[in-house]
Structures are given as structure tokens and as C-alpha cells.
Amino acid sequence: MERDYKDIVAELKKTFPKDTVKFRSDNHRPYIPNQVYTDRVESATESRCNLEIKELEINVPHRYVKSIVQVQIDAYSRDGYGFAVILGDPSKEPSNINTAVDKAVNEASLTAIDSYQMGWRDLAPYKMNDWAGNPALKHLLEQESPGRFRRGS
């Protein structure tokens, strides 16, 4: 039996297993790997999720790539945006445009999926000085730790 939209969104919002959150080596910021998000979306939607690149701008003179994608689950869609810098010597033709395109599209996909609040509970304990410290989002912290059940459930 296929899941309805409400059940899919509830599945997307579920807490990930303990130790899913990783930390970047360059700035030590917390993140959840793209593959984890992709696996959750595929599982929750039973592979009934569509991703469409709505806009892709490759601006070589200004050395950036901009992407807008749309994630569609059932009849509902959400847009996300991504941006990447084309690295290399500005006086030479860039050789890493494909890498920049991949980064921009992946970021756009994550931005769209983020609007479903996937991973918010897991990242909230690390974002207290940012968005998670807002009293309106206190419910995200009403759990023992990432990967655990909410108290009182």
C-alpha cells in the first residue's frame, strides 16, 4: 500500500540514528551527508519523488554556478536553490565546471528537502546560537539526544 503525503512527510521528519550528524573538517560545522538525505527521501517516498532542475546558470566570466531545483512528492512540490564557485585561475579556462554544477544542484536539492524539516531534530542541539535557540522551535529539542525517542512517548 502506498503512503499518503502526510505519512511521507512524517517519515521525512523522523530523527536519524545516533552519530548521523558529522562535522566538516574545514570549519567544524555540523551537517548530515547528502547520501543520508537521499536514502531517507527514497525510502519515505518509495522512490516516488521527482527532482527537476528548473534553472541552471553557469557564469564562467563571474565564476559561479546557480541552480534552482524542484522536488515533487505526490502533487506537492518545493523549490530549492544552490550556488557554487567555479574554482581555479581566473585567467585560464576553468576545468572544474562539472564539479561546481554538481555542488550547486546538490545544494539546491538539500535546500528544497530542508523545507520538509528533515534532519532538523538532529541538527538542533548544535544550532542553539542560530535557529534552534528560538523559543518557537523548542519542540525540536524535546528529545533526549539525536537518534533517541522524544520524552514522554
C-alpha atoms as a PDB file:
ATOM      1  CA  MET A   1       0.000   0.000   0.000  1.00  0.00           C
ATOM      2  CA  GLU A   2       1.356   3.410  -0.971  1.00  0.00           C
ATOM      3  CA  ARG A   3       1.933   6.003   1.735  1.00  0.00           C
ATOM      4  CA  ASP A   4      -0.053   9.216   1.582  1.00  0.00           C
ATOM      5  CA  TYR A   5       1.631  12.631   1.633  1.00  0.00           C
ATOM      6  CA  LYS A   6       1.090  13.186   5.370  1.00  0.00           C
ATOM      7  CA  ASP A   7       2.780   9.865   6.206  1.00  0.00           C
ATOM      8  CA  ILE A   8       5.676  10.624   3.856  1.00  0.00           C
ATOM      9  CA  VAL A   9       6.323  13.997   5.498  1.00  0.00           C
ATOM     10  CA  ALA A  10       6.148  12.395   8.952  1.00  0.00           C
ATOM     11  CA  GLU A  11       8.735   9.821   7.809  1.00  0.00           C
ATOM     12  CA  LEU A  12      10.988  12.576   6.438  1.00  0.00           C
ATOM     13  CA  LYS A  13      10.899  14.411   9.790  1.00  0.00           C
ATOM     14  CA  LYS A  14      11.884  11.366  11.843  1.00  0.00           C
ATOM     15  CA  THR A  15      15.088  11.537  13.840  1.00  0.00           C
ATOM     16  CA  PHE A  16      18.089   9.867  12.231  1.00  0.00           C
ATOM     17  CA  PRO A  17      20.137   7.214  14.054  1.00  0.00           C
ATOM     18  CA  LYS A  18      22.720   8.338  16.582  1.00  0.00           C
ATOM     19  CA  ASP A  19      26.009   9.585  15.057  1.00  0.00           C
ATOM     20  CA  THR A  20      24.393  10.519  11.723  1.00  0.00           C
ATOM     21  CA  VAL A  21      25.445  14.153  12.214  1.00  0.00           C
ATOM     22  CA  LYS A  22      29.004  14.730  11.008  1.00  0.00           C
ATOM     23  CA  PHE A  23      31.302  17.744  11.325  1.00  0.00           C
ATOM     24  CA  ARG A  24      33.063  19.456   8.442  1.00  0.00           C
ATOM     25  CA  SER A  25      36.844  19.236   8.565  1.00  0.00           C
ATOM     26  CA  ASP A  26      37.358  22.840   7.449  1.00  0.00           C
ATOM     27  CA  ASN A  27      35.012  24.750   9.791  1.00  0.00           C
ATOM     28  CA  HIS A  28      33.699  22.012  12.156  1.00  0.00           C
ATOM     29  CA  ARG A  29      30.064  22.888  11.353  1.00  0.00           C
ATOM     30  CA  PRO A  30      27.548  20.048  11.789  1.00  0.00           C
ATOM     31  CA  TYR A  31      25.890  18.511   8.748  1.00  0.00           C
ATOM     32  CA  ILE A  32      24.098  15.393   7.605  1.00  0.00           C
ATOM     33  CA  PRO A  33      25.623  13.790   4.499  1.00  0.00           C
ATOM     34  CA  ASN A  34      23.719  14.170   1.228  1.00  0.00           C
ATOM     35  CA  GLN A  35      23.570  10.383   0.796  1.00  0.00           C
ATOM     36  CA  VAL A  36      21.676  10.069   4.094  1.00  0.00           C
ATOM     37  CA  TYR A  37      19.071  12.574   2.908  1.00  0.00           C
ATOM     38  CA  THR A  38      18.767  10.853  -0.478  1.00  0.00           C
ATOM     39  CA  ASP A  39      18.285   7.461   1.174  1.00  0.00           C
ATOM     40  CA  ARG A  40      15.591   8.857   3.515  1.00  0.00           C
ATOM     41  CA  VAL A  41      13.709  10.509   0.643  1.00  0.00           C
ATOM     42  CA  GLU A  42      13.872   7.355  -1.483  1.00  0.00           C
ATOM     43  CA  SER A  43      12.705   5.206   1.417  1.00  0.00           C
ATOM     44  CA  ALA A  44       9.955   7.534   2.659  1.00  0.00           C
ATOM     45  CA  THR A  45       8.508   8.160  -0.797  1.00  0.00           C
ATOM     46  CA  GLU A  46       9.018   4.590  -2.007  1.00  0.00           C
ATOM     47  CA  SER A  47      11.007   6.144  -4.887  1.00  0.00           C
ATOM     48  CA  ARG A  48       8.055   8.325  -5.919  1.00  0.00           C
ATOM     49  CA  CYS A  49       9.955  11.589  -5.622  1.00  0.00           C
ATOM     50  CA  ASN A  50      10.867  13.666  -8.659  1.00  0.00           C
ATOM     51  CA  LEU A  51      13.682  16.161  -8.857  1.00  0.00           C
ATOM     52  CA  GLU A  52      13.685  18.651 -11.714  1.00  0.00           C
ATOM     53  CA  ILE A  53      16.368  21.213 -12.464  1.00  0.00           C
ATOM     54  CA  LYS A  54      14.300  24.323 -13.187  1.00  0.00           C
ATOM     55  CA  GLU A  55      17.212  26.680 -13.747  1.00  0.00           C
ATOM     56  CA  LEU A  56      20.937  26.194 -14.188  1.00  0.00           C
ATOM     57  CA  GLU A  57      23.147  29.206 -14.773  1.00  0.00           C
ATOM     58  CA  ILE A  58      26.823  28.610 -15.480  1.00  0.00           C
ATOM     59  CA  ASN A  59      28.517  32.001 -15.418  1.00  0.00           C
ATOM     60  CA  VAL A  60      32.140  31.445 -16.407  1.00  0.00           C
ATOM     61  CA  PRO A  61      33.157  35.151 -16.539  1.00  0.00           C
ATOM     62  CA  HIS A  62      31.958  35.687 -12.950  1.00  0.00           C
ATOM     63  CA  ARG A  63      32.977  32.135 -11.929  1.00  0.00           C
ATOM     64  CA  TYR A  64      29.791  30.781 -10.384  1.00  0.00           C
ATOM     65  CA  VAL A  65      27.019  28.254 -10.946  1.00  0.00           C
ATOM     66  CA  LYS A  66      23.470  28.851  -9.739  1.00  0.00           C
ATOM     67  CA  SER A  67      20.848  26.126  -9.638  1.00  0.00           C
ATOM     68  CA  ILE A  68      17.153  26.067  -8.826  1.00  0.00           C
ATOM     69  CA  VAL A  69      15.554  22.650  -8.476  1.00  0.00           C
ATOM     70  CA  GLN A  70      12.080  21.453  -7.696  1.00  0.00           C
ATOM     71  CA  VAL A  71      11.411  18.425  -5.529  1.00  0.00           C
ATOM     72  CA  GLN A  72       7.983  16.912  -6.101  1.00  0.00           C
ATOM     73  CA  ILE A  73       6.343  14.387  -3.797  1.00  0.00           C
ATOM     74  CA  ASP A  74       2.903  13.342  -4.952  1.00  0.00           C
ATOM     75  CA  ALA A  75       1.091  16.518  -6.062  1.00  0.00           C
ATOM     76  CA  TYR A  76       3.202  18.805  -3.871  1.00  0.00           C
ATOM     77  CA  SER A  77       6.441  20.499  -4.844  1.00  0.00           C
ATOM     78  CA  ARG A  78       9.064  22.646  -3.185  1.00  0.00           C
ATOM     79  CA  ASP A  79      11.861  24.653  -4.746  1.00  0.00           C
ATOM     80  CA  GLY A  80      15.436  24.932  -3.555  1.00  0.00           C
ATOM     81  CA  TYR A  81      18.423  26.976  -4.628  1.00  0.00           C
ATOM     82  CA  GLY A  82      22.114  26.233  -4.790  1.00  0.00           C
ATOM     83  CA  PHE A  83      25.242  28.176  -5.540  1.00  0.00           C
ATOM     84  CA  ALA A  84      28.849  27.121  -6.175  1.00  0.00           C
ATOM     85  CA  VAL A  85      32.030  28.919  -7.069  1.00  0.00           C
ATOM     86  CA  ILE A  86      33.994  27.829 -10.111  1.00  0.00           C
ATOM     87  CA  LEU A  87      37.490  27.443  -8.721  1.00  0.00           C
ATOM     88  CA  GLY A  88      40.806  27.932 -10.476  1.00  0.00           C
ATOM     89  CA  ASP A  89      42.934  30.626 -12.002  1.00  0.00           C
ATOM     90  CA  PRO A  90      40.615  33.379 -13.339  1.00  0.00           C
ATOM     91  CA  SER A  91      42.981  33.970 -16.276  1.00  0.00           C
ATOM     92  CA  LYS A  92      42.518  30.385 -17.510  1.00  0.00           C
ATOM     93  CA  GLU A  93      39.551  28.422 -18.785  1.00  0.00           C
ATOM     94  CA  PRO A  94      38.066  26.533 -15.818  1.00  0.00           C
ATOM     95  CA  SER A  95      38.352  22.755 -15.783  1.00  0.00           C
ATOM     96  CA  ASN A  96      36.071  22.034 -12.833  1.00  0.00           C
ATOM     97  CA  ILE A  97      32.719  23.293 -14.120  1.00  0.00           C
ATOM     98  CA  ASN A  98      31.152  19.821 -13.688  1.00  0.00           C
ATOM     99  CA  THR A  99      32.151  19.803 -10.013  1.00  0.00           C
ATOM    100  CA  ALA A 100      30.628  23.253  -9.496  1.00  0.00           C
ATOM    101  CA  VAL A 101      27.411  22.166 -11.249  1.00  0.00           C
ATOM    102  CA  ASP A 102      27.194  19.048  -9.050  1.00  0.00           C
ATOM    103  CA  LYS A 103      27.711  21.139  -5.904  1.00  0.00           C
ATOM    104  CA  ALA A 104      25.092  23.729  -6.911  1.00  0.00           C
ATOM    105  CA  VAL A 105      22.486  21.082  -7.824  1.00  0.00           C
ATOM    106  CA  ASN A 106      23.155  19.078  -4.620  1.00  0.00           C
ATOM    107  CA  GLU A 107      22.855  22.224  -2.516  1.00  0.00           C
ATOM    108  CA  ALA A 108      19.611  23.147  -4.282  1.00  0.00           C
ATOM    109  CA  SER A 109      18.217  19.664  -3.648  1.00  0.00           C
ATOM    110  CA  LEU A 110      19.128  19.869   0.037  1.00  0.00           C
ATOM    111  CA  THR A 111      17.592  23.340   0.312  1.00  0.00           C
ATOM    112  CA  ALA A 112      14.306  22.050  -1.136  1.00  0.00           C
ATOM    113  CA  ILE A 113      14.313  18.947   1.069  1.00  0.00           C
ATOM    114  CA  ASP A 114      15.226  21.067   4.103  1.00  0.00           C
ATOM    115  CA  SER A 115      11.828  22.746   3.822  1.00  0.00           C
ATOM    116  CA  TYR A 116      10.339  19.402   4.921  1.00  0.00           C
ATOM    117  CA  GLN A 117      12.312  19.783   8.205  1.00  0.00           C
ATOM    118  CA  MET A 118      14.289  16.625   7.541  1.00  0.00           C
ATOM    119  CA  GLY A 119      17.248  16.471   9.918  1.00  0.00           C
ATOM    120  CA  TRP A 120      16.139  19.479  11.972  1.00  0.00           C
ATOM    121  CA  ARG A 121      15.794  17.482  15.199  1.00  0.00           C
ATOM    122  CA  ASP A 122      19.255  16.002  14.687  1.00  0.00           C
ATOM    123  CA  LEU A 123      20.948  19.332  13.966  1.00  0.00           C
ATOM    124  CA  ALA A 124      19.055  21.428  16.545  1.00  0.00           C
ATOM    125  CA  PRO A 125      21.332  20.618  19.523  1.00  0.00           C
ATOM    126  CA  TYR A 126      24.262  22.024  17.527  1.00  0.00           C
ATOM    127  CA  LYS A 127      22.403  25.125  16.316  1.00  0.00           C
ATOM    128  CA  MET A 128      21.401  26.690  19.646  1.00  0.00           C
ATOM    129  CA  ASN A 129      23.072  30.012  18.846  1.00  0.00           C
ATOM    130  CA  ASP A 130      21.432  30.003  15.449  1.00  0.00           C
ATOM    131  CA  TRP A 131      17.856  28.977  14.593  1.00  0.00           C
ATOM    132  CA  ALA A 132      17.388  26.219  17.198  1.00  0.00           C
ATOM    133  CA  GLY A 133      17.650  28.652  20.102  1.00  0.00           C
ATOM    134  CA  ASN A 134      14.417  30.315  19.015  1.00  0.00           C
ATOM    135  CA  PRO A 135      11.589  29.552  21.507  1.00  0.00           C
ATOM    136  CA  ALA A 136       9.221  28.787  18.618  1.00  0.00           C
ATOM    137  CA  LEU A 137      11.395  25.762  17.759  1.00  0.00           C
ATOM    138  CA  LYS A 138      11.745  24.450  21.312  1.00  0.00           C
ATOM    139  CA  HIS A 139       9.781  21.330  20.329  1.00  0.00           C
ATOM    140  CA  LEU A 140      12.761  20.213  18.212  1.00  0.00           C
ATOM    141  CA  LEU A 141      14.848  19.890  21.368  1.00  0.00           C
ATOM    142  CA  GLU A 142      12.250  17.880  23.280  1.00  0.00           C
ATOM    143  CA  GLN A 143      14.163  14.665  22.889  1.00  0.00           C
ATOM    144  CA  GLU A 144      16.982  13.081  24.814  1.00  0.00           C
ATOM    145  CA  SER A 145      19.551  13.257  22.014  1.00  0.00           C
ATOM    146  CA  PRO A 146      19.735  12.665  18.267  1.00  0.00           C
ATOM    147  CA  GLY A 147      18.697   9.133  17.435  1.00  0.00           C
ATOM    148  CA  ARG A 148      16.521   8.742  20.534  1.00  0.00           C
ATOM    149  CA  PHE A 149      12.747   8.910  21.103  1.00  0.00           C
ATOM    150  CA  ARG A 150      11.029  12.017  22.355  1.00  0.00           C
ATOM    151  CA  ARG A 151      10.439  12.176  26.086  1.00  0.00           C
ATOM    152  CA  GLY A 152       7.034  11.000  27.155  1.00  0.00           C
ATOM    153  CA  SER A 153       6.410   8.971  24.041  1.00  0.00           C
END
